[in-house]
Amino acid sequence: MADQLHVYDNVLQLIGNTPLIKLNRITKDFEGDFYAKVEAFNPGHSSKDRIALHILEEAERNGVLKPGDTIIETTSGNTGFSIAMVSIIKGYECILAVSSKSSPDKIDALKAMGAKVYVCPANVSADDPRSYYSVAKRLHEETKGSVYINQYFNESNMDAHFNTTGPEIWNQTEGKITHLIACSGTGGTISGTARFLKSKNPDIKVIGVDAYGSVIQKYHETREFDASEIYPYRIEGLGKNLIPTAIDFDVIDTFVKVSDEASAHSAREIAQTEGLFVGYTSGAAIQALKQLETEGEFDSDSRVVVIFPDHGSRYMSKVFSDKWMRDQGFFDSKNMEEVQAIEYIK
């Protein structure tokens, strides 16, 4: 009888079932219990692995995606990496239109995964022919046998998290979760997760995190698109200058806006207090939690889950670079530059 090896057939089998980790030091003075859903434990180091696998396999089942086809997508980096990873295993070519706001680390990672990358200016309107939305559409039209994922307007984006992230959090908390805090970029993570959790308990409060310079919070409150809200900001994968249909605003109770600077320092604080090396949007999520705590949102019965979307290695040239932080003006009298921790022995 042959030995039964305890191995995985490929990297895609590692997607999902990420851990829920209790936050201890960063929330030590807060009322309630706080937990991080750490999506960096996915093989592609972000929550986007879930949608890449789900959307591509659904397209295969429906006959939309066939052998030899090319996958095209817009991305701030994480979705692109996940799609490139899935494409390698399944044998598809991958072309990605990326925002210039994406860190050089993310862009280099996409190239390392074999994707062809088009870097598009970040601070242009969504309908500008140079925007990554417009470039992806053009590439799709020009590329025979291509499939455009279009995560911002793809209902399957939400379905992936309804089927996986939501049930995982419900089971990991034994249904005792009272609050979900998650960043909203495409909206798929927060919407799909919230749909599932509210189907189990409609009293769970779902709080979205938005950026200053994004239209999402105001649209949630008024259902009106206000272009005057739009201005450049630095956080990647958070907020939008358009309204994605992958957001279900009805399952989100409220939004909190966070600043670039505070979110950057919070990302660094997570690493130095909890030992979790996570990304800029994770810093934004913790910053939102801090702001909510000062407003008296939580009490001793609160059981709060915060989604940490990706890994800190994607931001080595940004929030984890002292030079970048200094260049942005993020070191000041309140947040002094970190003490130099490197000594060179001559």
C-alpha atoms as a PDB file:
ATOM      1  CA  MET A   1       0.000   0.000   0.000  1.00  0.00           C
ATOM      2  CA  ALA A   2       1.458   3.317  -1.107  1.00  0.00           C
ATOM      3  CA  ASP A   3       2.233   5.953   1.475  1.00  0.00           C
ATOM      4  CA  GLN A   4      -0.330   8.752   1.698  1.00  0.00           C
ATOM      5  CA  LEU A   5       1.599  11.991   1.491  1.00  0.00           C
ATOM      6  CA  HIS A   6       0.212  15.009   3.332  1.00  0.00           C
ATOM      7  CA  VAL A   7       0.765  17.470   0.505  1.00  0.00           C
ATOM      8  CA  TYR A   8      -1.183  20.004  -1.553  1.00  0.00           C
ATOM      9  CA  ASP A   9      -1.597  19.543  -5.292  1.00  0.00           C
ATOM     10  CA  ASN A  10      -0.858  23.219  -5.930  1.00  0.00           C
ATOM     11  CA  VAL A  11      -0.730  26.599  -4.206  1.00  0.00           C
ATOM     12  CA  LEU A  12      -4.395  27.350  -4.914  1.00  0.00           C
ATOM     13  CA  GLN A  13      -5.486  24.791  -2.323  1.00  0.00           C
ATOM     14  CA  LEU A  14      -4.025  27.066   0.358  1.00  0.00           C
ATOM     15  CA  ILE A  15      -6.465  29.903  -0.349  1.00  0.00           C
ATOM     16  CA  GLY A  16      -8.859  30.756   2.491  1.00  0.00           C
ATOM     17  CA  ASN A  17      -9.230  29.530   6.076  1.00  0.00           C
ATOM     18  CA  THR A  18      -7.015  32.380   7.284  1.00  0.00           C
ATOM     19  CA  PRO A  19      -6.560  32.770  11.055  1.00  0.00           C
ATOM     20  CA  LEU A  20      -8.417  35.079  13.413  1.00  0.00           C
ATOM     21  CA  ILE A  21      -5.832  36.522  15.802  1.00  0.00           C
ATOM     22  CA  LYS A  22      -6.615  38.360  19.034  1.00  0.00           C
ATOM     23  CA  LEU A  23      -5.265  41.895  19.233  1.00  0.00           C
ATOM     24  CA  ASN A  24      -3.682  42.524  22.629  1.00  0.00           C
ATOM     25  CA  ARG A  25      -1.339  45.494  22.975  1.00  0.00           C
ATOM     26  CA  ILE A  26      -2.706  47.913  20.378  1.00  0.00           C
ATOM     27  CA  THR A  27      -6.187  47.677  21.946  1.00  0.00           C
ATOM     28  CA  LYS A  28      -5.146  47.154  25.590  1.00  0.00           C
ATOM     29  CA  ASP A  29      -6.984  50.260  26.838  1.00  0.00           C
ATOM     30  CA  PHE A  30     -10.169  49.629  24.821  1.00  0.00           C
ATOM     31  CA  GLU A  31     -13.404  48.065  26.075  1.00  0.00           C
ATOM     32  CA  GLY A  32     -14.298  44.784  24.373  1.00  0.00           C
ATOM     33  CA  ASP A  33     -12.377  42.057  22.564  1.00  0.00           C
ATOM     34  CA  PHE A  34     -10.720  42.733  19.224  1.00  0.00           C
ATOM     35  CA  TYR A  35      -9.596  40.259  16.579  1.00  0.00           C
ATOM     36  CA  ALA A  36      -7.801  40.540  13.239  1.00  0.00           C
ATOM     37  CA  LYS A  37      -8.734  38.397  10.263  1.00  0.00           C
ATOM     38  CA  VAL A  38      -5.232  38.190   8.790  1.00  0.00           C
ATOM     39  CA  GLU A  39      -5.551  37.699   5.040  1.00  0.00           C
ATOM     40  CA  ALA A  40      -1.770  37.802   4.536  1.00  0.00           C
ATOM     41  CA  PHE A  41      -1.873  34.071   5.371  1.00  0.00           C
ATOM     42  CA  ASN A  42      -3.307  33.417   1.899  1.00  0.00           C
ATOM     43  CA  PRO A  43      -0.590  32.150  -0.485  1.00  0.00           C
ATOM     44  CA  GLY A  44      -0.731  35.386  -2.494  1.00  0.00           C
ATOM     45  CA  HIS A  45      -0.575  37.327   0.789  1.00  0.00           C
ATOM     46  CA  SER A  46      -3.942  39.080   0.405  1.00  0.00           C
ATOM     47  CA  SER A  47      -7.707  38.666   0.513  1.00  0.00           C
ATOM     48  CA  LYS A  48      -7.748  39.025  -3.282  1.00  0.00           C
ATOM     49  CA  ASP A  49      -6.715  35.382  -3.688  1.00  0.00           C
ATOM     50  CA  ARG A  50     -10.305  34.519  -2.808  1.00  0.00           C
ATOM     51  CA  ILE A  51     -11.886  36.534  -5.620  1.00  0.00           C
ATOM     52  CA  ALA A  52      -9.243  35.603  -8.208  1.00  0.00           C
ATOM     53  CA  LEU A  53      -9.855  31.879  -7.721  1.00  0.00           C
ATOM     54  CA  HIS A  54     -13.647  32.200  -7.452  1.00  0.00           C
ATOM     55  CA  ILE A  55     -14.128  34.479 -10.466  1.00  0.00           C
ATOM     56  CA  LEU A  56     -11.813  32.520 -12.777  1.00  0.00           C
ATOM     57  CA  GLU A  57     -13.274  29.149 -11.838  1.00  0.00           C
ATOM     58  CA  GLU A  58     -16.803  30.503 -12.281  1.00  0.00           C
ATOM     59  CA  ALA A  59     -15.809  31.819 -15.728  1.00  0.00           C
ATOM     60  CA  GLU A  60     -14.437  28.370 -16.582  1.00  0.00           C
ATOM     61  CA  ARG A  61     -17.659  26.660 -15.450  1.00  0.00           C
ATOM     62  CA  ASN A  62     -19.751  29.058 -17.526  1.00  0.00           C
ATOM     63  CA  GLY A  63     -17.606  28.568 -20.624  1.00  0.00           C
ATOM     64  CA  VAL A  64     -16.544  32.219 -20.688  1.00  0.00           C
ATOM     65  CA  LEU A  65     -12.904  31.329 -20.029  1.00  0.00           C
ATOM     66  CA  LYS A  66     -11.291  28.742 -22.294  1.00  0.00           C
ATOM     67  CA  PRO A  67      -7.803  27.223 -22.607  1.00  0.00           C
ATOM     68  CA  GLY A  68      -5.341  29.654 -24.160  1.00  0.00           C
ATOM     69  CA  ASP A  69      -7.327  32.771 -23.192  1.00  0.00           C
ATOM     70  CA  THR A  70      -5.813  35.919 -21.707  1.00  0.00           C
ATOM     71  CA  ILE A  71      -6.973  37.422 -18.410  1.00  0.00           C
ATOM     72  CA  ILE A  72      -7.146  41.234 -18.254  1.00  0.00           C
ATOM     73  CA  GLU A  73      -7.762  43.236 -15.097  1.00  0.00           C
ATOM     74  CA  THR A  74      -7.449  46.611 -13.396  1.00  0.00           C
ATOM     75  CA  THR A  75      -5.689  46.492 -10.037  1.00  0.00           C
ATOM     76  CA  SER A  76      -3.927  48.475  -7.339  1.00  0.00           C
ATOM     77  CA  GLY A  77      -1.629  45.454  -7.088  1.00  0.00           C
ATOM     78  CA  ASN A  78      -3.100  42.754  -4.874  1.00  0.00           C
ATOM     79  CA  THR A  79      -5.831  41.502  -7.206  1.00  0.00           C
ATOM     80  CA  GLY A  80      -3.325  41.500 -10.035  1.00  0.00           C
ATOM     81  CA  PHE A  81      -0.886  39.369  -8.072  1.00  0.00           C
ATOM     82  CA  SER A  82      -3.636  36.901  -7.178  1.00  0.00           C
ATOM     83  CA  ILE A  83      -4.893  36.707 -10.768  1.00  0.00           C
ATOM     84  CA  ALA A  84      -1.351  36.220 -12.052  1.00  0.00           C
ATOM     85  CA  MET A  85      -0.818  33.420  -9.517  1.00  0.00           C
ATOM     86  CA  VAL A  86      -4.042  31.644 -10.486  1.00  0.00           C
ATOM     87  CA  SER A  87      -3.287  32.181 -14.192  1.00  0.00           C
ATOM     88  CA  ILE A  88       0.102  30.478 -13.836  1.00  0.00           C
ATOM     89  CA  ILE A  89      -1.457  27.370 -12.310  1.00  0.00           C
ATOM     90  CA  LYS A  90      -4.304  27.260 -14.832  1.00  0.00           C
ATOM     91  CA  GLY A  91      -2.231  28.160 -17.903  1.00  0.00           C
ATOM     92  CA  TYR A  92      -3.601  31.586 -18.887  1.00  0.00           C
ATOM     93  CA  GLU A  93      -1.765  34.706 -20.018  1.00  0.00           C
ATOM     94  CA  CYS A  94      -2.235  37.731 -17.757  1.00  0.00           C
ATOM     95  CA  ILE A  95      -2.303  41.452 -18.615  1.00  0.00           C
ATOM     96  CA  LEU A  96      -2.766  44.028 -15.847  1.00  0.00           C
ATOM     97  CA  ALA A  97      -3.528  47.759 -15.877  1.00  0.00           C
ATOM     98  CA  VAL A  98      -2.121  49.174 -12.653  1.00  0.00           C
ATOM     99  CA  SER A  99      -2.502  52.548 -10.943  1.00  0.00           C
ATOM    100  CA  SER A 100       0.719  54.537 -10.646  1.00  0.00           C
ATOM    101  CA  LYS A 101      -0.192  54.945  -6.960  1.00  0.00           C
ATOM    102  CA  SER A 102       0.680  51.275  -6.473  1.00  0.00           C
ATOM    103  CA  SER A 103       3.967  50.751  -4.673  1.00  0.00           C
ATOM    104  CA  PRO A 104       7.005  49.753  -6.760  1.00  0.00           C
ATOM    105  CA  ASP A 105       7.080  46.577  -4.659  1.00  0.00           C
ATOM    106  CA  LYS A 106       3.639  45.577  -5.925  1.00  0.00           C
ATOM    107  CA  ILE A 107       4.503  46.354  -9.558  1.00  0.00           C
ATOM    108  CA  ASP A 108       7.754  44.369  -9.361  1.00  0.00           C
ATOM    109  CA  ALA A 109       5.837  41.458  -7.825  1.00  0.00           C
ATOM    110  CA  LEU A 110       3.390  41.430 -10.756  1.00  0.00           C
ATOM    111  CA  LYS A 111       6.269  41.253 -13.231  1.00  0.00           C
ATOM    112  CA  ALA A 112       7.858  38.481 -11.172  1.00  0.00           C
ATOM    113  CA  MET A 113       4.636  36.486 -11.550  1.00  0.00           C
ATOM    114  CA  GLY A 114       4.828  36.710 -15.338  1.00  0.00           C
ATOM    115  CA  ALA A 115       2.162  39.363 -15.919  1.00  0.00           C
ATOM    116  CA  LYS A 116       2.422  42.064 -18.581  1.00  0.00           C
ATOM    117  CA  VAL A 117       1.917  45.333 -16.727  1.00  0.00           C
ATOM    118  CA  TYR A 118       0.657  48.715 -17.904  1.00  0.00           C
ATOM    119  CA  VAL A 119       1.203  51.473 -15.315  1.00  0.00           C
ATOM    120  CA  CYS A 120      -1.451  54.194 -15.638  1.00  0.00           C
ATOM    121  CA  PRO A 121      -1.642  57.654 -14.006  1.00  0.00           C
ATOM    122  CA  ALA A 122      -3.573  57.583 -10.736  1.00  0.00           C
ATOM    123  CA  ASN A 123      -4.881  61.137 -10.535  1.00  0.00           C
ATOM    124  CA  VAL A 124      -7.107  61.194 -13.606  1.00  0.00           C
ATOM    125  CA  SER A 125     -10.873  60.696 -13.882  1.00  0.00           C
ATOM    126  CA  ALA A 126     -12.225  57.187 -14.344  1.00  0.00           C
ATOM    127  CA  ASP A 127     -13.333  57.955 -17.914  1.00  0.00           C
ATOM    128  CA  ASP A 128      -9.972  59.452 -18.937  1.00  0.00           C
ATOM    129  CA  PRO A 129      -8.457  57.249 -21.686  1.00  0.00           C
ATOM    130  CA  ARG A 130      -5.271  57.017 -19.588  1.00  0.00           C
ATOM    131  CA  SER A 131      -7.028  55.695 -16.475  1.00  0.00           C
ATOM    132  CA  TYR A 132      -6.450  52.071 -15.598  1.00  0.00           C
ATOM    133  CA  TYR A 133     -10.163  51.394 -16.125  1.00  0.00           C
ATOM    134  CA  SER A 134     -10.050  52.748 -19.681  1.00  0.00           C
ATOM    135  CA  VAL A 135      -6.734  51.092 -20.499  1.00  0.00           C
ATOM    136  CA  ALA A 136      -8.007  47.677 -19.369  1.00  0.00           C
ATOM    137  CA  LYS A 137     -11.147  48.068 -21.505  1.00  0.00           C
ATOM    138  CA  ARG A 138      -9.045  49.039 -24.532  1.00  0.00           C
ATOM    139  CA  LEU A 139      -6.675  46.098 -24.038  1.00  0.00           C
ATOM    140  CA  HIS A 140      -9.663  43.754 -23.775  1.00  0.00           C
ATOM    141  CA  GLU A 141     -11.070  45.081 -27.064  1.00  0.00           C
ATOM    142  CA  GLU A 142      -7.690  44.740 -28.780  1.00  0.00           C
ATOM    143  CA  THR A 143      -6.775  41.284 -27.435  1.00  0.00           C
ATOM    144  CA  LYS A 144      -8.420  38.316 -29.114  1.00  0.00           C
ATOM    145  CA  GLY A 145      -9.527  35.587 -26.710  1.00  0.00           C
ATOM    146  CA  SER A 146      -9.346  37.827 -23.660  1.00  0.00           C
ATOM    147  CA  VAL A 147     -11.585  37.945 -20.586  1.00  0.00           C
ATOM    148  CA  TYR A 148     -11.873  41.179 -18.574  1.00  0.00           C
ATOM    149  CA  ILE A 149     -12.427  40.390 -14.882  1.00  0.00           C
ATOM    150  CA  ASN A 150     -13.656  43.925 -14.020  1.00  0.00           C
ATOM    151  CA  GLN A 151     -13.647  43.391 -10.246  1.00  0.00           C
ATOM    152  CA  TYR A 152     -15.301  46.757  -9.511  1.00  0.00           C
ATOM    153  CA  PHE A 153     -18.459  45.759 -11.384  1.00  0.00           C
ATOM    154  CA  ASN A 154     -18.458  41.988 -10.927  1.00  0.00           C
ATOM    155  CA  GLU A 155     -21.058  40.503  -8.567  1.00  0.00           C
ATOM    156  CA  SER A 156     -18.820  37.459  -8.125  1.00  0.00           C
ATOM    157  CA  ASN A 157     -16.420  39.681  -6.185  1.00  0.00           C
ATOM    158  CA  MET A 158     -18.983  39.745  -3.364  1.00  0.00           C
ATOM    159  CA  ASP A 159     -19.926  36.084  -3.809  1.00  0.00           C
ATOM    160  CA  ALA A 160     -16.364  34.941  -3.103  1.00  0.00           C
ATOM    161  CA  HIS A 161     -16.469  36.531   0.350  1.00  0.00           C
ATOM    162  CA  PHE A 162     -20.082  35.496   1.031  1.00  0.00           C
ATOM    163  CA  ASN A 163     -18.999  31.901   0.412  1.00  0.00           C
ATOM    164  CA  THR A 164     -15.718  31.967   2.360  1.00  0.00           C
ATOM    165  CA  THR A 165     -14.740  34.992   4.482  1.00  0.00           C
ATOM    166  CA  GLY A 166     -18.160  35.447   6.064  1.00  0.00           C
ATOM    167  CA  PRO A 167     -18.623  31.805   7.140  1.00  0.00           C
ATOM    168  CA  GLU A 168     -15.039  31.635   8.408  1.00  0.00           C
ATOM    169  CA  ILE A 169     -15.503  34.665  10.672  1.00  0.00           C
ATOM    170  CA  TRP A 170     -18.884  33.411  11.903  1.00  0.00           C
ATOM    171  CA  ASN A 171     -17.425  30.019  12.801  1.00  0.00           C
ATOM    172  CA  GLN A 172     -14.218  31.412  14.291  1.00  0.00           C
ATOM    173  CA  THR A 173     -16.184  33.704  16.631  1.00  0.00           C
ATOM    174  CA  GLU A 174     -18.843  31.039  17.292  1.00  0.00           C
ATOM    175  CA  GLY A 175     -21.391  33.600  16.111  1.00  0.00           C
ATOM    176  CA  LYS A 176     -20.454  36.076  18.860  1.00  0.00           C
ATOM    177  CA  ILE A 177     -19.160  38.824  16.564  1.00  0.00           C
ATOM    178  CA  THR A 178     -20.826  42.211  17.236  1.00  0.00           C
ATOM    179  CA  HIS A 179     -18.874  44.467  14.830  1.00  0.00           C
ATOM    180  CA  LEU A 180     -17.107  44.011  11.496  1.00  0.00           C
ATOM    181  CA  ILE A 181     -14.619  46.670  10.376  1.00  0.00           C
ATOM    182  CA  ALA A 182     -13.308  46.426   6.815  1.00  0.00           C
ATOM    183  CA  CYS A 183     -11.838  48.725   4.213  1.00  0.00           C
ATOM    184  CA  SER A 184     -13.825  49.370   1.049  1.00  0.00           C
ATOM    185  CA  GLY A 185     -12.069  49.606  -2.301  1.00  0.00           C
ATOM    186  CA  THR A 186     -13.947  47.513  -4.840  1.00  0.00           C
ATOM    187  CA  GLY A 187     -16.362  46.781  -1.983  1.00  0.00           C
ATOM    188  CA  GLY A 188     -16.388  43.037  -2.516  1.00  0.00           C
ATOM    189  CA  THR A 189     -14.722  42.037   0.755  1.00  0.00           C
ATOM    190  CA  ILE A 190     -16.895  44.096   3.073  1.00  0.00           C
ATOM    191  CA  SER A 191     -20.118  43.503   1.131  1.00  0.00           C
ATOM    192  CA  GLY A 192     -19.862  39.750   0.687  1.00  0.00           C
ATOM    193  CA  THR A 193     -18.693  39.198   4.260  1.00  0.00           C
ATOM    194  CA  ALA A 194     -21.409  41.490   5.638  1.00  0.00           C
ATOM    195  CA  ARG A 195     -24.151  39.815   3.598  1.00  0.00           C
ATOM    196  CA  PHE A 196     -23.303  36.472   5.136  1.00  0.00           C
ATOM    197  CA  LEU A 197     -22.895  37.756   8.696  1.00  0.00           C
ATOM    198  CA  LYS A 198     -26.129  39.758   8.602  1.00  0.00           C
ATOM    199  CA  SER A 199     -27.952  36.713   7.232  1.00  0.00           C
ATOM    200  CA  LYS A 200     -26.943  35.033  10.500  1.00  0.00           C
ATOM    201  CA  ASN A 201     -27.466  38.024  12.789  1.00  0.00           C
ATOM    202  CA  PRO A 202     -28.816  41.320  11.369  1.00  0.00           C
ATOM    203  CA  ASP A 203     -27.728  43.141  14.542  1.00  0.00           C
ATOM    204  CA  ILE A 204     -24.037  42.816  13.676  1.00  0.00           C
ATOM    205  CA  LYS A 205     -22.772  46.334  12.963  1.00  0.00           C
ATOM    206  CA  VAL A 206     -20.797  46.630   9.736  1.00  0.00           C
ATOM    207  CA  ILE A 207     -18.433  49.586   9.502  1.00  0.00           C
ATOM    208  CA  GLY A 208     -16.675  50.490   6.270  1.00  0.00           C
ATOM    209  CA  VAL A 209     -13.386  52.373   6.094  1.00  0.00           C
ATOM    210  CA  ASP A 210     -12.983  55.077   3.459  1.00  0.00           C
ATOM    211  CA  ALA A 211     -10.225  57.551   2.593  1.00  0.00           C
ATOM    212  CA  TYR A 212     -10.310  61.323   2.522  1.00  0.00           C
ATOM    213  CA  GLY A 213     -10.380  62.078  -1.209  1.00  0.00           C
ATOM    214  CA  SER A 214     -12.824  59.232  -1.975  1.00  0.00           C
ATOM    215  CA  VAL A 215     -16.536  59.462  -2.837  1.00  0.00           C
ATOM    216  CA  ILE A 216     -17.685  56.272  -1.089  1.00  0.00           C
ATOM    217  CA  GLN A 217     -18.774  57.540   2.344  1.00  0.00           C
ATOM    218  CA  LYS A 218     -20.822  60.445   0.980  1.00  0.00           C
ATOM    219  CA  TYR A 219     -22.499  58.197  -1.592  1.00  0.00           C
ATOM    220  CA  HIS A 220     -23.449  55.790   1.198  1.00  0.00           C
ATOM    221  CA  GLU A 221     -25.040  58.636   3.151  1.00  0.00           C
ATOM    222  CA  THR A 222     -26.771  60.490   0.299  1.00  0.00           C
ATOM    223  CA  ARG A 223     -26.844  58.074  -2.674  1.00  0.00           C
ATOM    224  CA  GLU A 224     -25.424  60.966  -4.704  1.00  0.00           C
ATOM    225  CA  PHE A 225     -22.070  61.011  -6.492  1.00  0.00           C
ATOM    226  CA  ASP A 226     -20.198  64.162  -5.489  1.00  0.00           C
ATOM    227  CA  ALA A 227     -17.134  64.801  -7.646  1.00  0.00           C
ATOM    228  CA  SER A 228     -16.096  67.636  -5.308  1.00  0.00           C
ATOM    229  CA  GLU A 229     -15.124  64.942  -2.757  1.00  0.00           C
ATOM    230  CA  ILE A 230     -12.362  63.669  -5.048  1.00  0.00           C
ATOM    231  CA  TYR A 231      -8.740  64.647  -4.529  1.00  0.00           C
ATOM    232  CA  PRO A 232      -5.429  62.731  -4.533  1.00  0.00           C
ATOM    233  CA  TYR A 233      -4.592  60.513  -1.566  1.00  0.00           C
ATOM    234  CA  ARG A 234      -1.890  57.940  -0.888  1.00  0.00           C
ATOM    235  CA  ILE A 235      -3.569  54.837   0.598  1.00  0.00           C
ATOM    236  CA  GLU A 236      -3.745  52.019  -1.953  1.00  0.00           C
ATOM    237  CA  GLY A 237      -6.737  49.720  -2.362  1.00  0.00           C
ATOM    238  CA  LEU A 238      -9.055  51.944  -0.323  1.00  0.00           C
ATOM    239  CA  GLY A 239     -11.753  54.346  -1.502  1.00  0.00           C
ATOM    240  CA  LYS A 240     -12.680  55.232  -5.073  1.00  0.00           C
ATOM    241  CA  ASN A 241     -13.320  58.073  -7.522  1.00  0.00           C
ATOM    242  CA  LEU A 242     -16.301  56.138  -8.908  1.00  0.00           C
ATOM    243  CA  ILE A 243     -19.065  53.980  -7.432  1.00  0.00           C
ATOM    244  CA  PRO A 244     -18.381  50.245  -7.921  1.00  0.00           C
ATOM    245  CA  THR A 245     -21.424  47.995  -8.244  1.00  0.00           C
ATOM    246  CA  ALA A 246     -19.506  45.401  -6.205  1.00  0.00           C
ATOM    247  CA  ILE A 247     -20.471  47.399  -3.081  1.00  0.00           C
ATOM    248  CA  ASP A 248     -23.771  46.520  -1.409  1.00  0.00           C
ATOM    249  CA  PHE A 249     -24.377  49.747   0.511  1.00  0.00           C
ATOM    250  CA  ASP A 250     -27.482  48.293   2.170  1.00  0.00           C
ATOM    251  CA  VAL A 251     -25.484  45.861   4.325  1.00  0.00           C
ATOM    252  CA  ILE A 252     -23.019  48.508   5.531  1.00  0.00           C
ATOM    253  CA  ASP A 253     -24.217  50.509   8.532  1.00  0.00           C
ATOM    254  CA  THR A 254     -21.747  53.386   8.420  1.00  0.00           C
ATOM    255  CA  PHE A 255     -18.415  54.541   7.041  1.00  0.00           C
ATOM    256  CA  VAL A 256     -15.429  56.084   8.807  1.00  0.00           C
ATOM    257  CA  LYS A 257     -12.883  58.214   6.924  1.00  0.00           C
ATOM    258  CA  VAL A 258      -9.195  57.979   7.766  1.00  0.00           C
ATOM    259  CA  SER A 259      -6.193  60.041   6.734  1.00  0.00           C
ATOM    260  CA  ASP A 260      -3.081  58.912   4.854  1.00  0.00           C
ATOM    261  CA  GLU A 261      -0.740  59.928   7.664  1.00  0.00           C
ATOM    262  CA  ALA A 262      -2.603  58.385  10.595  1.00  0.00           C
ATOM    263  CA  SER A 263      -3.126  55.142   8.657  1.00  0.00           C
ATOM    264  CA  ALA A 264       0.575  54.919   7.799  1.00  0.00           C
ATOM    265  CA  HIS A 265       1.603  55.286  11.446  1.00  0.00           C
ATOM    266  CA  SER A 266      -1.059  52.767  12.500  1.00  0.00           C
ATOM    267  CA  ALA A 267       0.328  50.202  10.037  1.00  0.00           C
ATOM    268  CA  ARG A 268       3.755  50.609  11.647  1.00  0.00           C
ATOM    269  CA  GLU A 269       2.200  50.385  15.102  1.00  0.00           C
ATOM    270  CA  ILE A 270       0.548  47.035  14.302  1.00  0.00           C
ATOM    271  CA  ALA A 271       3.956  45.567  13.471  1.00  0.00           C
ATOM    272  CA  GLN A 272       5.587  46.961  16.598  1.00  0.00           C
ATOM    273  CA  THR A 273       2.820  45.988  19.036  1.00  0.00           C
ATOM    274  CA  GLU A 274       1.257  42.809  17.668  1.00  0.00           C
ATOM    275  CA  GLY A 275       4.151  41.404  15.623  1.00  0.00           C
ATOM    276  CA  LEU A 276       1.884  41.345  12.564  1.00  0.00           C
ATOM    277  CA  PHE A 277       3.594  42.702   9.451  1.00  0.00           C
ATOM    278  CA  VAL A 278       0.592  43.907   7.470  1.00  0.00           C
ATOM    279  CA  GLY A 279      -0.110  46.584   4.887  1.00  0.00           C
ATOM    280  CA  TYR A 280      -1.282  50.173   4.535  1.00  0.00           C
ATOM    281  CA  THR A 281      -4.992  49.295   4.417  1.00  0.00           C
ATOM    282  CA  SER A 282      -4.615  47.270   7.607  1.00  0.00           C
ATOM    283  CA  GLY A 283      -3.271  50.432   9.180  1.00  0.00           C
ATOM    284  CA  ALA A 284      -6.345  52.267   7.861  1.00  0.00           C
ATOM    285  CA  ALA A 285      -8.646  49.654   9.429  1.00  0.00           C
ATOM    286  CA  ILE A 286      -6.943  49.955  12.831  1.00  0.00           C
ATOM    287  CA  GLN A 287      -7.024  53.742  12.563  1.00  0.00           C
ATOM    288  CA  ALA A 288     -10.798  53.540  12.017  1.00  0.00           C
ATOM    289  CA  LEU A 289     -11.081  51.282  15.071  1.00  0.00           C
ATOM    290  CA  LYS A 290      -9.174  53.844  17.171  1.00  0.00           C
ATOM    291  CA  GLN A 291     -11.457  56.654  16.012  1.00  0.00           C
ATOM    292  CA  LEU A 292     -14.554  54.594  16.779  1.00  0.00           C
ATOM    293  CA  GLU A 293     -13.232  53.771  20.242  1.00  0.00           C
ATOM    294  CA  THR A 294     -12.807  57.451  21.095  1.00  0.00           C
ATOM    295  CA  GLU A 295     -16.435  57.970  20.032  1.00  0.00           C
ATOM    296  CA  GLY A 296     -17.625  55.323  22.518  1.00  0.00           C
ATOM    297  CA  GLU A 297     -18.645  52.764  19.885  1.00  0.00           C
ATOM    298  CA  PHE A 298     -17.581  49.720  21.914  1.00  0.00           C
ATOM    299  CA  ASP A 299     -18.383  48.345  25.362  1.00  0.00           C
ATOM    300  CA  SER A 300     -17.341  45.339  27.431  1.00  0.00           C
ATOM    301  CA  ASP A 301     -19.647  43.060  25.415  1.00  0.00           C
ATOM    302  CA  SER A 302     -18.202  44.061  22.025  1.00  0.00           C
ATOM    303  CA  ARG A 303     -16.566  41.347  19.927  1.00  0.00           C
ATOM    304  CA  VAL A 304     -14.946  43.204  17.036  1.00  0.00           C
ATOM    305  CA  VAL A 305     -13.380  41.656  13.918  1.00  0.00           C
ATOM    306  CA  VAL A 306     -11.097  43.815  11.783  1.00  0.00           C
ATOM    307  CA  ILE A 307     -10.051  42.546   8.364  1.00  0.00           C
ATOM    308  CA  PHE A 308      -6.331  43.002   7.622  1.00  0.00           C
ATOM    309  CA  PRO A 309      -6.285  42.684   3.814  1.00  0.00           C
ATOM    310  CA  ASP A 310      -2.629  42.145   2.903  1.00  0.00           C
ATOM    311  CA  HIS A 311       1.036  41.819   3.868  1.00  0.00           C
ATOM    312  CA  GLY A 312       3.520  44.534   4.805  1.00  0.00           C
ATOM    313  CA  SER A 313       6.087  43.346   2.251  1.00  0.00           C
ATOM    314  CA  ARG A 314       3.995  45.061  -0.430  1.00  0.00           C
ATOM    315  CA  TYR A 315       4.836  48.450   1.125  1.00  0.00           C
ATOM    316  CA  MET A 316       8.562  48.346   1.820  1.00  0.00           C
ATOM    317  CA  SER A 317       9.141  51.382  -0.394  1.00  0.00           C
ATOM    318  CA  LYS A 318       6.229  53.248   1.164  1.00  0.00           C
ATOM    319  CA  VAL A 319       4.916  53.125   4.744  1.00  0.00           C
ATOM    320  CA  PHE A 320       7.804  50.964   5.952  1.00  0.00           C
ATOM    321  CA  SER A 321      10.382  53.258   4.360  1.00  0.00           C
ATOM    322  CA  ASP A 322      11.595  56.082   6.614  1.00  0.00           C
ATOM    323  CA  LYS A 323      12.591  58.035   3.505  1.00  0.00           C
ATOM    324  CA  TRP A 324       9.089  57.786   2.013  1.00  0.00           C
ATOM    325  CA  MET A 325       7.465  58.735   5.310  1.00  0.00           C
ATOM    326  CA  ARG A 326       9.817  61.716   5.591  1.00  0.00           C
ATOM    327  CA  ASP A 327       9.131  62.760   1.978  1.00  0.00           C
ATOM    328  CA  GLN A 328       5.377  62.736   2.668  1.00  0.00           C
ATOM    329  CA  GLY A 329       5.840  64.925   5.752  1.00  0.00           C
ATOM    330  CA  PHE A 330       4.600  62.123   7.994  1.00  0.00           C
ATOM    331  CA  PHE A 331       7.361  62.565  10.580  1.00  0.00           C
ATOM    332  CA  ASP A 332       6.667  65.563  12.793  1.00  0.00           C
ATOM    333  CA  SER A 333       6.786  66.630  16.448  1.00  0.00           C
ATOM    334  CA  LYS A 334       3.933  64.238  17.270  1.00  0.00           C
ATOM    335  CA  ASN A 335       5.244  61.301  15.259  1.00  0.00           C
ATOM    336  CA  MET A 336       9.003  61.534  15.449  1.00  0.00           C
ATOM    337  CA  GLU A 337      11.196  59.631  13.051  1.00  0.00           C
ATOM    338  CA  GLU A 338      12.056  56.228  14.439  1.00  0.00           C
ATOM    339  CA  VAL A 339      15.411  55.866  16.182  1.00  0.00           C
ATOM    340  CA  GLN A 340      17.962  54.499  13.773  1.00  0.00           C
ATOM    341  CA  ALA A 341      18.092  50.774  14.537  1.00  0.00           C
ATOM    342  CA  ILE A 342      20.912  49.872  12.172  1.00  0.00           C
ATOM    343  CA  GLU A 343      24.598  50.151  13.012  1.00  0.00           C
ATOM    344  CA  TYR A 344      27.249  49.486  10.403  1.00  0.00           C
ATOM    345  CA  ILE A 345      30.419  47.957  11.796  1.00  0.00           C
ATOM    346  CA  LYS A 346      33.502  49.138   9.925  1.00  0.00           C
END
